[in-house]
């Protein structure tokens, strides 16, 4: 999403190519984009950059968000938008197929059969290799995959969720669903938009509230919004403590914690330059101690809510098991 500058922030073509080349030199091969990102500029850059080496990449793109404001047929999950989105992405990416194609978000409108039949047709045509889903309720993903299995259609194999130390809501339903149904998880915003890098202060929080407001996701052409909160700053302080102990950067610690979570297959990082890329990749090759993981868990933990808090209550567990335990002979 950082490839391209038409949104007012991001990386120009030269910097974007340097980021991709640096990533490849380190052994990276999974690239994630969308027909919506930077109004298609991201896909166009990648299409140019991958020429002559397309097969070495696992290329991922998405559809769902409107690409022509005010035109209902240019957005949503419905089949018309799906087909035109795929055709547009293939042209910009200069390829004949997309390896991993994501439903970008649930639209609460498209019928289950229309969505899954349309996606399956694109797989059978060879334009898509695998299917994935992002930002969709867990119960809906389960319903969609069950429909696909019942009708011998292609099912979703991966889920992309907002997941980081400052946003652990996915642990309520999304992550358990993915582990149970065998979907790989690729978290987006693994650094909470930069909040976990430790570079922001309470002064930045007050500035953001005063100048930008709290009801925007990505900001405007002037600057990108981080959506800072008191809680995010508290978590970032704990990350900095652990970073100091390990001799690593706060970003590396936050990413390392995320990679240690069950079910996480890969991270969707958004480096703004080669320096950011080098720092992010540095999250590999070391392990946080049990104590450090526990301290990070403690400061960032969330309430799971009903029914999880109820069915994990020790009293309820005893009621369910008759207070019996399994012991080794």
Protein backbone atom coordinates (compact mmCIF):
# COMPACT_ATOMS: atom_id res chain seq x y z
CA UNK A 1 0.00 0.00 0.00
CA UNK A 2 3.03 2.29 0.31
CA UNK A 3 4.03 1.85 -3.34
CA UNK A 4 2.98 5.07 -5.06
CA UNK A 5 2.51 8.69 -4.05
CA UNK A 6 -0.91 9.64 -5.46
CA UNK A 7 -2.46 9.50 -1.97
CA UNK A 8 -0.02 12.12 -0.74
CA UNK A 9 2.25 9.73 1.16
CA UNK A 10 4.16 6.64 0.21
CA UNK A 11 7.19 5.75 -1.91
CA UNK A 12 7.97 6.96 -5.41
CA UNK A 13 8.84 4.50 -8.18
CA UNK A 14 12.59 4.54 -7.60
CA UNK A 15 12.24 3.96 -3.85
CA UNK A 16 9.59 1.29 -4.37
CA UNK A 17 11.87 -0.65 -6.72
CA UNK A 18 14.73 -0.39 -4.22
CA UNK A 19 12.45 -1.78 -1.50
CA UNK A 20 11.35 -4.70 -3.66
CA UNK A 21 14.90 -5.51 -4.78
CA UNK A 22 16.16 -5.33 -1.20
CA UNK A 23 13.38 -7.65 -0.12
CA UNK A 24 14.21 -10.16 -2.86
CA UNK A 25 17.91 -10.05 -1.98
CA UNK A 26 16.97 -11.10 1.56
CA UNK A 27 15.00 -14.07 0.22
CA UNK A 28 11.53 -12.50 0.16
CA UNK A 29 9.05 -13.80 -2.40
CA UNK A 30 5.52 -12.91 -1.17
CA UNK A 31 4.16 -9.56 -2.42
CA UNK A 32 0.78 -8.19 -1.33
CA UNK A 33 -1.11 -5.39 -3.10
CA UNK A 34 -4.65 -4.41 -4.13
CA UNK A 35 -6.45 -2.83 -7.07
CA UNK A 36 -7.42 -0.06 -4.62
CA UNK A 37 -3.97 0.81 -3.28
CA UNK A 38 -2.74 4.21 -4.49
CA UNK A 39 -5.47 4.19 -7.15
CA UNK A 40 -3.84 1.29 -9.00
CA UNK A 41 -0.35 2.80 -8.98
CA UNK A 42 0.90 0.06 -6.64
CA UNK A 43 -0.12 -2.68 -9.08
CA UNK A 44 1.33 -0.76 -12.03
CA UNK A 45 4.68 -0.37 -10.28
CA UNK A 46 4.79 -4.05 -9.40
CA UNK A 47 3.85 -5.11 -12.91
CA UNK A 48 6.80 -3.19 -14.27
CA UNK A 49 9.17 -4.35 -11.51
CA UNK A 50 8.34 -8.05 -11.89
CA UNK A 51 8.79 -8.30 -15.64
CA UNK A 52 11.22 -11.08 -16.44
CA UNK A 53 11.04 -12.56 -12.93
CA UNK A 54 7.31 -13.02 -12.35
CA UNK A 55 7.51 -16.71 -11.46
CA UNK A 56 9.76 -16.14 -8.44
CA UNK A 57 6.99 -14.22 -6.67
CA UNK A 58 3.88 -15.33 -4.86
CA UNK A 59 1.76 -12.43 -6.10
CA UNK A 60 -1.22 -11.38 -4.02
CA UNK A 61 -3.88 -8.78 -4.83
CA UNK A 62 -7.40 -7.87 -3.68
CA UNK A 63 -10.73 -6.44 -4.76
CA UNK A 64 -13.87 -5.06 -3.07
CA UNK A 65 -13.30 -1.33 -2.53
CA UNK A 66 -14.72 1.11 -5.07
CA UNK A 67 -12.28 2.35 -7.71
CA UNK A 68 -14.67 4.94 -9.18
CA UNK A 69 -16.34 7.03 -6.50
CA UNK A 70 -20.09 7.32 -6.91
CA UNK A 71 -20.44 4.24 -9.16
CA UNK A 72 -21.91 1.25 -7.29
CA UNK A 73 -20.76 -1.23 -9.93
CA UNK A 74 -17.12 -0.35 -9.28
CA UNK A 75 -17.14 -1.66 -5.71
CA UNK A 76 -18.43 -4.44 -3.49
CA UNK A 77 -18.00 -8.20 -3.71
CA UNK A 78 -20.56 -8.78 -6.47
CA UNK A 79 -19.61 -10.68 -9.58
CA UNK A 80 -19.51 -7.72 -11.97
CA UNK A 81 -16.99 -5.86 -9.84
CA UNK A 82 -15.08 -9.09 -9.24
CA UNK A 83 -14.59 -9.77 -12.95
CA UNK A 84 -13.69 -6.22 -13.94
CA UNK A 85 -11.37 -5.92 -10.92
CA UNK A 86 -9.47 -9.07 -11.86
CA UNK A 87 -9.14 -8.00 -15.49
CA UNK A 88 -7.86 -4.57 -14.43
CA UNK A 89 -5.36 -6.04 -11.98
CA UNK A 90 -4.01 -8.51 -14.54
CA UNK A 91 -3.36 -5.67 -17.01
CA UNK A 92 -1.63 -3.45 -14.44
CA UNK A 93 0.39 -6.35 -13.04
CA UNK A 94 1.34 -7.49 -16.56
CA UNK A 95 0.61 -11.13 -15.77
CA UNK A 96 -1.85 -13.84 -16.74
CA UNK A 97 -2.71 -14.95 -13.20
CA UNK A 98 -2.77 -13.81 -9.58
CA UNK A 99 -1.40 -16.38 -7.15
CA UNK A 100 -3.47 -15.35 -4.13
CA UNK A 101 -6.64 -13.28 -4.59
CA UNK A 102 -8.37 -11.70 -1.60
CA UNK A 103 -11.89 -10.56 -0.93
CA UNK A 104 -10.79 -7.28 0.66
CA UNK A 105 -13.75 -6.79 2.99
CA UNK A 106 -17.29 -8.07 3.47
CA UNK A 107 -20.00 -5.92 1.87
CA UNK A 108 -23.06 -7.43 3.64
CA UNK A 109 -24.82 -7.59 0.25
CA UNK A 110 -23.43 -10.21 -2.13
CA UNK A 111 -25.09 -13.66 -1.89
CA UNK A 112 -22.88 -16.54 -0.82
CA UNK A 113 -23.44 -18.53 -4.00
CA UNK A 114 -22.69 -15.55 -6.25
CA UNK A 115 -19.40 -14.82 -4.50
CA UNK A 116 -18.08 -18.37 -4.30
CA UNK A 117 -19.23 -19.37 -7.80
CA UNK A 118 -17.66 -16.25 -9.30
CA UNK A 119 -14.34 -16.79 -7.54
CA UNK A 120 -14.31 -20.49 -8.41
CA UNK A 121 -14.94 -19.68 -12.09
CA UNK A 122 -11.89 -17.39 -12.08
CA UNK A 123 -9.80 -20.17 -10.57
CA UNK A 124 -11.00 -22.63 -13.22
CA UNK A 125 -10.15 -20.07 -15.91
CA UNK A 126 -6.59 -19.95 -14.58
CA UNK A 127 -6.71 -16.25 -13.70
CA UNK A 128 -6.47 -16.98 -9.97
CA UNK A 129 -4.49 -19.77 -8.30
CA UNK A 130 -5.65 -19.57 -4.65
CA UNK A 131 -8.39 -17.67 -2.79
CA UNK A 132 -8.15 -15.71 0.44
CA UNK A 133 -10.28 -13.38 2.52
CA UNK A 134 -9.68 -10.24 4.55
CA UNK A 135 -11.70 -8.19 7.05
CA UNK A 136 -14.71 -10.52 7.11
CA UNK A 137 -16.52 -11.84 10.23
CA UNK A 138 -15.40 -15.31 11.30
CA UNK A 139 -18.89 -16.80 11.04
CA UNK A 140 -19.21 -15.57 7.46
CA UNK A 141 -15.84 -17.09 6.46
CA UNK A 142 -16.94 -20.42 7.95
CA UNK A 143 -20.21 -20.20 6.02
CA UNK A 144 -18.46 -19.35 2.75
CA UNK A 145 -15.90 -22.14 3.07
CA UNK A 146 -18.57 -24.68 3.99
CA UNK A 147 -20.57 -23.68 0.92
CA UNK A 148 -17.46 -24.10 -1.22
CA UNK A 149 -16.78 -27.57 0.17
CA UNK A 150 -20.40 -28.66 -0.22
CA UNK A 151 -20.38 -27.63 -3.89
CA UNK A 152 -16.86 -28.78 -4.84
CA UNK A 153 -15.64 -25.21 -5.22
CA UNK A 154 -12.34 -23.58 -4.32
CA UNK A 155 -12.19 -22.54 -0.66
CA UNK A 156 -10.34 -19.74 1.11
CA UNK A 157 -6.90 -20.75 2.39
CA UNK A 158 -5.76 -17.56 4.13
CA UNK A 159 -7.10 -14.67 6.20
CA UNK A 160 -5.63 -11.17 6.42
CA UNK A 161 -6.47 -9.39 9.66
CA UNK A 162 -5.49 -6.28 11.55
CA UNK A 163 -3.39 -7.87 14.27
CA UNK A 164 -0.62 -6.46 16.39
CA UNK A 165 0.23 -5.83 20.04
CA UNK A 166 -2.07 -2.81 20.06
CA UNK A 167 -4.95 -4.53 18.24
CA UNK A 168 -5.58 -8.08 19.42
CA UNK A 169 -9.32 -8.26 18.74
CA UNK A 170 -8.71 -10.99 16.14
CA UNK A 171 -7.92 -13.35 19.03
CA UNK A 172 -11.62 -13.49 19.97
CA UNK A 173 -13.01 -15.24 16.89
CA UNK A 174 -10.80 -14.76 13.80
CA UNK A 175 -7.62 -16.55 14.90
CA UNK A 176 -9.39 -19.54 16.52
CA UNK A 177 -11.47 -19.92 13.36
CA UNK A 178 -8.36 -19.83 11.16
CA UNK A 179 -6.55 -22.44 13.26
CA UNK A 180 -9.59 -24.71 13.31
CA UNK A 181 -10.30 -24.45 9.57
CA UNK A 182 -6.68 -24.37 8.41
CA UNK A 183 -6.41 -20.81 7.11
CA UNK A 184 -3.01 -19.15 7.29
CA UNK A 185 -3.05 -15.72 8.96
CA UNK A 186 -1.15 -12.77 7.46
CA UNK A 187 -1.56 -9.76 9.78
CA UNK A 188 -1.75 -6.29 8.30
CA UNK A 189 -0.58 -3.18 10.18
CA UNK A 190 1.78 -5.34 12.29
CA UNK A 191 3.32 -2.16 13.76
CA UNK A 192 -0.06 -0.47 14.33
CA UNK A 193 0.67 2.14 11.69
CA UNK A 194 4.03 2.93 13.28
CA UNK A 195 2.72 3.34 16.84
CA UNK A 196 4.78 0.35 18.03
CA UNK A 197 8.06 1.70 16.68
CA UNK A 198 8.42 3.88 19.76
CA UNK A 199 8.84 7.13 17.85
CA UNK A 200 5.58 8.76 18.98
CA UNK A 201 4.90 10.68 22.18
CA UNK A 202 1.94 12.21 24.03
CA UNK A 203 2.63 15.42 22.11
CA UNK A 204 1.96 13.53 18.88
CA UNK A 205 -1.26 12.18 20.36
CA UNK A 206 -2.50 15.67 21.23
CA UNK A 207 -1.50 17.01 17.81
CA UNK A 208 -3.37 14.23 16.04
CA UNK A 209 -6.51 14.84 18.09
CA UNK A 210 -6.32 18.58 17.57
CA UNK A 211 -5.37 18.80 13.91
CA UNK A 212 -6.76 15.66 12.33
CA UNK A 213 -9.46 14.14 14.53
CA UNK A 214 -10.17 10.57 15.49
CA UNK A 215 -12.58 9.44 12.74
CA UNK A 216 -10.18 8.80 9.86
CA UNK A 217 -8.30 5.65 8.88
CA UNK A 218 -5.45 6.68 6.59
CA UNK A 219 -5.30 10.45 6.84
CA UNK A 220 -5.17 12.98 4.05
CA UNK A 221 -2.67 14.32 1.58
CA UNK A 222 -0.85 16.27 4.26
CA UNK A 223 0.21 13.44 6.56
CA UNK A 224 -0.66 9.89 7.46
CA UNK A 225 -2.72 9.27 10.57
CA UNK A 226 -1.43 6.78 13.15
CA UNK A 227 -4.61 6.82 15.26
CA UNK A 228 -2.67 7.16 18.48
CA UNK A 229 -4.23 6.41 21.87
CA UNK A 230 -3.02 6.40 25.47
CA UNK A 231 -3.13 2.60 25.40
CA UNK A 232 -0.98 2.36 22.27
CA UNK A 233 1.63 4.61 23.84
CA UNK A 234 1.65 2.47 27.00
CA UNK A 235 2.16 -0.69 24.96
CA UNK A 236 4.88 1.03 22.92
CA UNK A 237 6.70 1.89 26.14
CA UNK A 238 6.75 -1.80 27.13
CA UNK A 239 8.00 -2.72 23.66
CA UNK A 240 10.84 -0.20 24.07
CA UNK A 241 11.76 -1.76 27.44
CA UNK A 242 12.06 -5.21 25.87
CA UNK A 243 13.92 -3.77 22.88
CA UNK A 244 16.51 -2.27 25.19
CA UNK A 245 16.98 -5.64 26.91
CA UNK A 246 17.44 -7.53 23.65
CA UNK A 247 19.53 -4.97 21.80
CA UNK A 248 16.91 -4.90 19.07
CA UNK A 249 14.74 -2.11 17.71
CA UNK A 250 11.14 -1.69 19.00
CA UNK A 251 9.84 -2.60 15.55
CA UNK A 252 11.79 -5.86 15.54
CA UNK A 253 10.43 -6.78 18.97
CA UNK A 254 6.82 -6.03 18.00
CA UNK A 255 7.12 -8.05 14.79
CA UNK A 256 8.89 -10.92 16.54
CA UNK A 257 6.07 -11.15 19.10
CA UNK A 258 3.56 -11.35 16.26
CA UNK A 259 5.45 -14.11 14.45
CA UNK A 260 5.41 -16.14 17.66
CA UNK A 261 1.60 -16.22 17.76
CA UNK A 262 -0.08 -19.51 16.77
CA UNK A 263 -1.40 -19.56 13.22
CA UNK A 264 0.54 -16.54 11.91
CA UNK A 265 2.08 -17.52 8.57
CA UNK A 266 3.62 -14.24 7.40
CA UNK A 267 3.49 -10.50 8.08
CA UNK A 268 2.36 -7.78 5.70
CA UNK A 269 4.95 -5.07 6.30
CA UNK A 270 4.77 -1.64 4.65
CA UNK A 271 8.28 -0.22 4.57
CA UNK A 272 8.60 3.37 3.38
CA UNK A 273 12.23 2.91 2.38
CA UNK A 274 15.12 0.45 2.39
CA UNK A 275 16.11 1.48 5.92
CA UNK A 276 12.65 0.54 7.21
CA UNK A 277 12.83 -2.72 5.26
CA UNK A 278 16.18 -3.68 6.78
CA UNK A 279 14.88 -2.92 10.26
CA UNK A 280 11.69 -4.94 9.76
CA UNK A 281 13.48 -7.97 8.35
CA UNK A 282 15.70 -7.85 11.42
CA UNK A 283 12.76 -9.29 13.38
CA UNK A 284 13.93 -12.70 12.19
CA UNK A 285 16.74 -14.73 13.71
CA UNK A 286 16.09 -14.22 17.41
CA UNK A 287 13.53 -15.32 19.99
CA UNK A 288 12.02 -13.39 22.88
CA UNK A 289 12.21 -15.08 26.26
CA UNK A 290 9.11 -16.49 27.93
CA UNK A 291 9.27 -13.64 30.44
CA UNK A 292 9.47 -11.00 27.71
CA UNK A 293 6.57 -12.56 25.81
CA UNK A 294 4.52 -12.66 29.01
CA UNK A 295 5.20 -9.00 29.78
CA UNK A 296 4.18 -7.98 26.28
CA UNK A 297 1.06 -10.14 26.56
CA UNK A 298 0.16 -8.58 29.91
CA UNK A 299 0.32 -4.95 28.82
CA UNK A 300 -1.62 -5.60 25.59
CA UNK A 301 -4.16 -8.21 26.67
CA UNK A 302 -7.83 -7.76 25.84
CA UNK A 303 -11.06 -9.06 27.31
CA UNK A 304 -12.34 -11.91 25.18
CA UNK A 305 -15.93 -11.28 26.22
CA UNK A 306 -18.89 -13.63 25.97
CA UNK A 307 -18.95 -16.58 25.50
CA UNK A 308 -15.18 -16.99 25.92
CA UNK A 309 -14.93 -15.53 29.42
CA UNK A 310 -17.77 -17.80 30.53
CA UNK A 311 -16.66 -21.09 29.04
CA UNK A 312 -13.05 -20.58 30.17
CA UNK A 313 -14.10 -19.78 33.72
CA UNK A 314 -12.61 -22.44 36.07
CA UNK A 315 -16.01 -23.07 37.68
CA UNK A 316 -17.69 -23.63 34.33
CA UNK A 317 -14.83 -25.89 33.22
CA UNK A 318 -15.43 -28.04 36.31
CA UNK A 319 -19.16 -28.13 35.54
CA UNK A 320 -18.41 -29.29 32.00
CA UNK A 321 -15.98 -32.03 33.04
CA UNK A 322 -17.55 -33.12 36.30
CA UNK A 323 -14.33 -31.93 37.92
CA UNK A 324 -12.45 -34.90 36.47
CA UNK A 325 -8.91 -34.72 35.13
CA UNK A 326 -6.80 -36.81 32.79
CA UNK A 327 -3.55 -37.99 34.31
CA UNK A 328 -0.72 -40.05 32.92
CA UNK A 329 -0.38 -43.64 34.24
